[in-house]
Amino acid sequence: MLTGRTPKEALHSKAFYAIATAVLMGSFTYSAVLPQVTAHLTIEGVSVTVASLALSVLAIFGMLGKLAMGFLSERIGSRYALMVDLSGQSLFVLVMMWAGTPAIMWLSVPMFGFFLGGFGALFSIIVQDTFGIRHFGGIMGIINLATMVSFGVGPLLAGASFDLTGSYNAAFMTTAVLFAIGALALTQARVPSKDA
């Protein structure tokens, strides 16, 4: 028999809002960073050919990240794995600001891709682990509403960064802070044992 909380029960828990905050902050990776990676690299002096190759490597590492973070969630739990993931994205999007240096580019871009891929795998796992699978679709649907904010604001953030400064560094710095906020929010995502 399927078990789990109802959407109404989830909405009355602190864990729901902590997870929704983490998903909101983490989803800025798709709207404020990923679409700008190639343009950022070319602004930093990387050729279009090399920037395109770096984006391909990012995608490959993204697939590896899904696998690795899935295994990590089985070892330390999805909440801690997602905290590691958001912290990794925060770190490597900051490092990517200096991607004009080849060594930094070939470190930061693949590692950012690794953690970006992991996020896509983990945020649905944490919802299932926290609230069960009986009403997973309904709860996941409500949490996914938070991503409307990031997909609306993220491109504006990136565009304003470029228009005002001529680079995406301000957007990357802001997004790094948002990732860190998401990771911190997950410290509040514990479900009391009596409710589990």
C-alpha atoms as a PDB file:
ATOM      1  CA  MET A   1       0.000   0.000   0.000  1.00  0.00           C
ATOM      2  CA  LEU A   2       1.280   3.457  -0.906  1.00  0.00           C
ATOM      3  CA  THR A   3       1.983   5.724   2.044  1.00  0.00           C
ATOM      4  CA  GLY A   4       2.714   9.401   2.467  1.00  0.00           C
ATOM      5  CA  ARG A   5       1.380  12.766   3.413  1.00  0.00           C
ATOM      6  CA  THR A   6      -1.434  14.493   1.600  1.00  0.00           C
ATOM      7  CA  PRO A   7      -0.783  17.857  -0.059  1.00  0.00           C
ATOM      8  CA  LYS A   8      -2.728  19.530   2.748  1.00  0.00           C
ATOM      9  CA  GLU A   9      -0.540  17.871   5.381  1.00  0.00           C
ATOM     10  CA  ALA A  10       2.591  18.803   3.457  1.00  0.00           C
ATOM     11  CA  LEU A  11       1.495  22.428   3.250  1.00  0.00           C
ATOM     12  CA  HIS A  12       1.248  22.510   7.043  1.00  0.00           C
ATOM     13  CA  SER A  13       4.863  21.384   7.519  1.00  0.00           C
ATOM     14  CA  LYS A  14       8.015  23.475   7.781  1.00  0.00           C
ATOM     15  CA  ALA A  15       9.789  20.901   5.612  1.00  0.00           C
ATOM     16  CA  PHE A  16       7.537  21.737   2.650  1.00  0.00           C
ATOM     17  CA  TYR A  17       8.527  25.399   2.639  1.00  0.00           C
ATOM     18  CA  ALA A  18      12.192  24.594   3.183  1.00  0.00           C
ATOM     19  CA  ILE A  19      12.184  22.241   0.199  1.00  0.00           C
ATOM     20  CA  ALA A  20      10.180  24.683  -1.933  1.00  0.00           C
ATOM     21  CA  THR A  21      12.734  27.393  -1.124  1.00  0.00           C
ATOM     22  CA  ALA A  22      15.621  25.087  -2.074  1.00  0.00           C
ATOM     23  CA  VAL A  23      13.915  24.143  -5.355  1.00  0.00           C
ATOM     24  CA  LEU A  24      13.195  27.793  -6.131  1.00  0.00           C
ATOM     25  CA  MET A  25      16.775  28.864  -5.463  1.00  0.00           C
ATOM     26  CA  GLY A  26      18.285  25.860  -7.223  1.00  0.00           C
ATOM     27  CA  SER A  27      16.182  26.302 -10.343  1.00  0.00           C
ATOM     28  CA  PHE A  28      17.914  29.620 -11.041  1.00  0.00           C
ATOM     29  CA  THR A  29      20.649  27.378 -12.448  1.00  0.00           C
ATOM     30  CA  TYR A  30      18.463  26.765 -15.517  1.00  0.00           C
ATOM     31  CA  SER A  31      17.429  30.379 -16.113  1.00  0.00           C
ATOM     32  CA  ALA A  32      20.231  32.642 -14.877  1.00  0.00           C
ATOM     33  CA  VAL A  33      23.389  30.582 -15.448  1.00  0.00           C
ATOM     34  CA  LEU A  34      23.118  27.722 -17.961  1.00  0.00           C
ATOM     35  CA  PRO A  35      21.834  29.787 -20.929  1.00  0.00           C
ATOM     36  CA  GLN A  36      24.655  32.296 -20.382  1.00  0.00           C
ATOM     37  CA  VAL A  37      27.625  29.918 -20.094  1.00  0.00           C
ATOM     38  CA  THR A  38      28.762  30.103 -23.738  1.00  0.00           C
ATOM     39  CA  ALA A  39      28.300  33.881 -23.919  1.00  0.00           C
ATOM     40  CA  HIS A  40      30.135  34.303 -20.610  1.00  0.00           C
ATOM     41  CA  LEU A  41      33.079  32.256 -21.840  1.00  0.00           C
ATOM     42  CA  THR A  42      33.379  34.244 -25.064  1.00  0.00           C
ATOM     43  CA  ILE A  43      33.233  37.520 -23.113  1.00  0.00           C
ATOM     44  CA  GLU A  44      36.095  36.156 -21.009  1.00  0.00           C
ATOM     45  CA  GLY A  45      38.144  35.667 -24.187  1.00  0.00           C
ATOM     46  CA  VAL A  46      37.459  32.008 -24.953  1.00  0.00           C
ATOM     47  CA  SER A  47      36.921  31.220 -28.635  1.00  0.00           C
ATOM     48  CA  VAL A  48      33.449  30.205 -29.768  1.00  0.00           C
ATOM     49  CA  THR A  49      34.770  26.757 -30.733  1.00  0.00           C
ATOM     50  CA  VAL A  50      36.315  26.111 -27.321  1.00  0.00           C
ATOM     51  CA  ALA A  51      33.277  27.571 -25.530  1.00  0.00           C
ATOM     52  CA  SER A  52      31.011  25.202 -27.471  1.00  0.00           C
ATOM     53  CA  LEU A  53      33.268  22.281 -26.576  1.00  0.00           C
ATOM     54  CA  ALA A  54      33.194  23.334 -22.913  1.00  0.00           C
ATOM     55  CA  LEU A  55      29.383  23.383 -23.023  1.00  0.00           C
ATOM     56  CA  SER A  56      29.416  19.827 -24.400  1.00  0.00           C
ATOM     57  CA  VAL A  57      31.701  18.759 -21.556  1.00  0.00           C
ATOM     58  CA  LEU A  58      29.329  20.486 -19.116  1.00  0.00           C
ATOM     59  CA  ALA A  59      26.473  18.357 -20.472  1.00  0.00           C
ATOM     60  CA  ILE A  60      28.493  15.135 -20.147  1.00  0.00           C
ATOM     61  CA  PHE A  61      29.410  15.958 -16.572  1.00  0.00           C
ATOM     62  CA  GLY A  62      25.745  16.792 -15.943  1.00  0.00           C
ATOM     63  CA  MET A  63      24.820  13.217 -16.809  1.00  0.00           C
ATOM     64  CA  LEU A  64      27.562  11.919 -14.521  1.00  0.00           C
ATOM     65  CA  GLY A  65      26.282  14.205 -11.773  1.00  0.00           C
ATOM     66  CA  LYS A  66      22.814  12.672 -11.957  1.00  0.00           C
ATOM     67  CA  LEU A  67      24.277   9.226 -11.376  1.00  0.00           C
ATOM     68  CA  ALA A  68      26.722  10.272  -8.673  1.00  0.00           C
ATOM     69  CA  MET A  69      24.223  12.366  -6.721  1.00  0.00           C
ATOM     70  CA  GLY A  70      21.669   9.582  -6.924  1.00  0.00           C
ATOM     71  CA  PHE A  71      24.173   7.205  -5.325  1.00  0.00           C
ATOM     72  CA  LEU A  72      25.157   9.853  -2.762  1.00  0.00           C
ATOM     73  CA  SER A  73      21.520  10.327  -1.756  1.00  0.00           C
ATOM     74  CA  GLU A  74      21.337   6.605  -0.972  1.00  0.00           C
ATOM     75  CA  ARG A  75      24.382   6.922   1.290  1.00  0.00           C
ATOM     76  CA  ILE A  76      23.712  10.166   3.191  1.00  0.00           C
ATOM     77  CA  GLY A  77      20.066  10.900   2.395  1.00  0.00           C
ATOM     78  CA  SER A  78      18.531  13.154  -0.231  1.00  0.00           C
ATOM     79  CA  ARG A  79      18.421  16.211   2.025  1.00  0.00           C
ATOM     80  CA  TYR A  80      22.159  16.183   2.706  1.00  0.00           C
ATOM     81  CA  ALA A  81      22.955  15.262  -0.887  1.00  0.00           C
ATOM     82  CA  LEU A  82      20.938  18.247  -2.123  1.00  0.00           C
ATOM     83  CA  MET A  83      22.747  20.491   0.370  1.00  0.00           C
ATOM     84  CA  VAL A  84      26.074  19.264  -1.044  1.00  0.00           C
ATOM     85  CA  ASP A  85      24.770  19.767  -4.570  1.00  0.00           C
ATOM     86  CA  LEU A  86      23.611  23.358  -4.059  1.00  0.00           C
ATOM     87  CA  SER A  87      26.859  24.192  -2.264  1.00  0.00           C
ATOM     88  CA  GLY A  88      28.820  22.760  -5.199  1.00  0.00           C
ATOM     89  CA  GLN A  89      26.838  24.819  -7.690  1.00  0.00           C
ATOM     90  CA  SER A  90      27.416  27.911  -5.577  1.00  0.00           C
ATOM     91  CA  LEU A  91      31.170  27.328  -5.457  1.00  0.00           C
ATOM     92  CA  PHE A  92      31.715  26.520  -9.108  1.00  0.00           C
ATOM     93  CA  VAL A  93      29.502  29.278 -10.520  1.00  0.00           C
ATOM     94  CA  LEU A  94      31.718  31.683  -8.565  1.00  0.00           C
ATOM     95  CA  VAL A  95      34.900  30.042  -9.867  1.00  0.00           C
ATOM     96  CA  MET A  96      33.480  30.207 -13.404  1.00  0.00           C
ATOM     97  CA  MET A  97      33.628  33.998 -13.209  1.00  0.00           C
ATOM     98  CA  TRP A  98      37.377  33.667 -13.941  1.00  0.00           C
ATOM     99  CA  ALA A  99      36.909  31.121 -16.731  1.00  0.00           C
ATOM    100  CA  GLY A 100      39.024  33.160 -19.136  1.00  0.00           C
ATOM    101  CA  THR A 101      41.963  31.211 -17.708  1.00  0.00           C
ATOM    102  CA  PRO A 102      41.983  27.764 -19.388  1.00  0.00           C
ATOM    103  CA  ALA A 103      42.752  25.822 -16.202  1.00  0.00           C
ATOM    104  CA  ILE A 104      39.909  27.527 -14.357  1.00  0.00           C
ATOM    105  CA  MET A 105      37.521  27.030 -17.266  1.00  0.00           C
ATOM    106  CA  TRP A 106      38.267  23.296 -17.558  1.00  0.00           C
ATOM    107  CA  LEU A 107      37.733  22.915 -13.807  1.00  0.00           C
ATOM    108  CA  SER A 108      34.730  25.158 -13.207  1.00  0.00           C
ATOM    109  CA  VAL A 109      32.568  24.434 -16.254  1.00  0.00           C
ATOM    110  CA  PRO A 110      32.558  20.608 -15.951  1.00  0.00           C
ATOM    111  CA  MET A 111      32.150  20.716 -12.168  1.00  0.00           C
ATOM    112  CA  PHE A 112      29.314  23.208 -12.420  1.00  0.00           C
ATOM    113  CA  GLY A 113      27.711  20.841 -14.938  1.00  0.00           C
ATOM    114  CA  PHE A 114      28.226  17.933 -12.546  1.00  0.00           C
ATOM    115  CA  PHE A 115      26.323  19.649  -9.740  1.00  0.00           C
ATOM    116  CA  LEU A 116      23.726  21.122 -12.108  1.00  0.00           C
ATOM    117  CA  GLY A 117      22.883  17.610 -13.320  1.00  0.00           C
ATOM    118  CA  GLY A 118      22.683  16.364  -9.760  1.00  0.00           C
ATOM    119  CA  PHE A 119      20.118  19.018  -8.862  1.00  0.00           C
ATOM    120  CA  GLY A 120      17.712  17.746 -11.493  1.00  0.00           C
ATOM    121  CA  ALA A 121      17.864  14.262  -9.992  1.00  0.00           C
ATOM    122  CA  LEU A 122      17.762  15.209  -6.327  1.00  0.00           C
ATOM    123  CA  PHE A 123      14.924  17.656  -5.995  1.00  0.00           C
ATOM    124  CA  SER A 124      12.321  15.052  -6.885  1.00  0.00           C
ATOM    125  CA  ILE A 125      13.971  12.449  -4.621  1.00  0.00           C
ATOM    126  CA  ILE A 126      13.839  14.734  -1.569  1.00  0.00           C
ATOM    127  CA  VAL A 127      10.117  15.325  -2.100  1.00  0.00           C
ATOM    128  CA  GLN A 128       9.496  11.587  -2.240  1.00  0.00           C
ATOM    129  CA  ASP A 129      11.727  10.871   0.764  1.00  0.00           C
ATOM    130  CA  THR A 130      10.101  13.596   2.849  1.00  0.00           C
ATOM    131  CA  PHE A 131       6.435  13.219   1.972  1.00  0.00           C
ATOM    132  CA  GLY A 132       6.118   9.676   0.599  1.00  0.00           C
ATOM    133  CA  ILE A 133       4.821   8.556  -2.771  1.00  0.00           C
ATOM    134  CA  ARG A 134       1.075   8.331  -2.274  1.00  0.00           C
ATOM    135  CA  HIS A 135       0.526  12.002  -3.160  1.00  0.00           C
ATOM    136  CA  PHE A 136       3.920  12.618  -4.756  1.00  0.00           C
ATOM    137  CA  GLY A 137       2.496  14.076  -7.983  1.00  0.00           C
ATOM    138  CA  GLY A 138       0.302  16.609  -6.218  1.00  0.00           C
ATOM    139  CA  ILE A 139       2.988  17.751  -3.794  1.00  0.00           C
ATOM    140  CA  MET A 140       5.616  17.890  -6.519  1.00  0.00           C
ATOM    141  CA  GLY A 141       3.280  19.939  -8.685  1.00  0.00           C
ATOM    142  CA  ILE A 142       2.777  22.508  -5.932  1.00  0.00           C
ATOM    143  CA  ILE A 143       6.518  22.755  -5.254  1.00  0.00           C
ATOM    144  CA  ASN A 144       7.218  23.143  -8.969  1.00  0.00           C
ATOM    145  CA  LEU A 145       5.096  26.293  -8.967  1.00  0.00           C
ATOM    146  CA  ALA A 146       8.052  27.952  -7.226  1.00  0.00           C
ATOM    147  CA  THR A 147      10.124  27.529 -10.375  1.00  0.00           C
ATOM    148  CA  MET A 148       7.859  30.014 -12.180  1.00  0.00           C
ATOM    149  CA  VAL A 149       9.603  32.732 -10.159  1.00  0.00           C
ATOM    150  CA  SER A 150      13.099  31.658 -11.188  1.00  0.00           C
ATOM    151  CA  PHE A 151      12.177  31.199 -14.830  1.00  0.00           C
ATOM    152  CA  GLY A 152      10.634  34.673 -14.840  1.00  0.00           C
ATOM    153  CA  VAL A 153      13.325  36.477 -12.849  1.00  0.00           C
ATOM    154  CA  GLY A 154      16.440  34.554 -13.951  1.00  0.00           C
ATOM    155  CA  PRO A 155      16.615  35.872 -17.537  1.00  0.00           C
ATOM    156  CA  LEU A 156      15.926  39.411 -16.284  1.00  0.00           C
ATOM    157  CA  LEU A 157      18.743  39.059 -13.757  1.00  0.00           C
ATOM    158  CA  ALA A 158      21.176  37.842 -16.411  1.00  0.00           C
ATOM    159  CA  GLY A 159      20.089  40.522 -18.882  1.00  0.00           C
ATOM    160  CA  ALA A 160      20.411  43.309 -16.323  1.00  0.00           C
ATOM    161  CA  SER A 161      23.842  42.017 -15.327  1.00  0.00           C
ATOM    162  CA  PHE A 162      25.066  42.175 -18.919  1.00  0.00           C
ATOM    163  CA  ASP A 163      23.389  45.488 -19.747  1.00  0.00           C
ATOM    164  CA  LEU A 164      24.741  47.267 -16.665  1.00  0.00           C
ATOM    165  CA  THR A 165      28.212  45.743 -16.406  1.00  0.00           C
ATOM    166  CA  GLY A 166      29.009  44.170 -19.776  1.00  0.00           C
ATOM    167  CA  SER A 167      29.386  40.734 -18.157  1.00  0.00           C
ATOM    168  CA  TYR A 168      27.375  38.048 -16.404  1.00  0.00           C
ATOM    169  CA  ASN A 169      29.475  38.128 -13.245  1.00  0.00           C
ATOM    170  CA  ALA A 170      26.886  40.006 -11.193  1.00  0.00           C
ATOM    171  CA  ALA A 171      24.234  37.457 -12.179  1.00  0.00           C
ATOM    172  CA  PHE A 172      26.597  34.591 -11.352  1.00  0.00           C
ATOM    173  CA  MET A 173      27.428  36.093  -7.958  1.00  0.00           C
ATOM    174  CA  THR A 174      23.755  36.636  -7.156  1.00  0.00           C
ATOM    175  CA  THR A 175      22.897  33.099  -8.227  1.00  0.00           C
ATOM    176  CA  ALA A 176      25.710  31.692  -6.080  1.00  0.00           C
ATOM    177  CA  VAL A 177      24.145  33.426  -3.066  1.00  0.00           C
ATOM    178  CA  LEU A 178      20.722  32.019  -3.992  1.00  0.00           C
ATOM    179  CA  PHE A 179      22.168  28.500  -4.169  1.00  0.00           C
ATOM    180  CA  ALA A 180      23.686  28.978  -0.712  1.00  0.00           C
ATOM    181  CA  ILE A 181      20.323  30.166   0.635  1.00  0.00           C
ATOM    182  CA  GLY A 182      18.716  27.042  -0.829  1.00  0.00           C
ATOM    183  CA  ALA A 183      21.283  24.823   0.881  1.00  0.00           C
ATOM    184  CA  LEU A 184      20.726  26.598   4.207  1.00  0.00           C
ATOM    185  CA  ALA A 185      16.938  26.290   3.834  1.00  0.00           C
ATOM    186  CA  LEU A 186      17.308  22.516   3.750  1.00  0.00           C
ATOM    187  CA  THR A 187      18.563  22.544   7.351  1.00  0.00           C
ATOM    188  CA  GLN A 188      14.868  23.130   8.157  1.00  0.00           C
ATOM    189  CA  ALA A 189      13.579  20.288   5.999  1.00  0.00           C
ATOM    190  CA  ARG A 190      13.609  17.618   8.684  1.00  0.00           C
ATOM    191  CA  VAL A 191      10.383  15.782   9.277  1.00  0.00           C
ATOM    192  CA  PRO A 192       9.737  15.011  12.972  1.00  0.00           C
ATOM    193  CA  SER A 193       9.866  11.262  13.564  1.00  0.00           C
ATOM    194  CA  LYS A 194       6.308  11.187  14.877  1.00  0.00           C
ATOM    195  CA  ASP A 195       5.096  12.535  11.517  1.00  0.00           C
ATOM    196  CA  ALA A 196       7.320  10.411   9.291  1.00  0.00           C
END
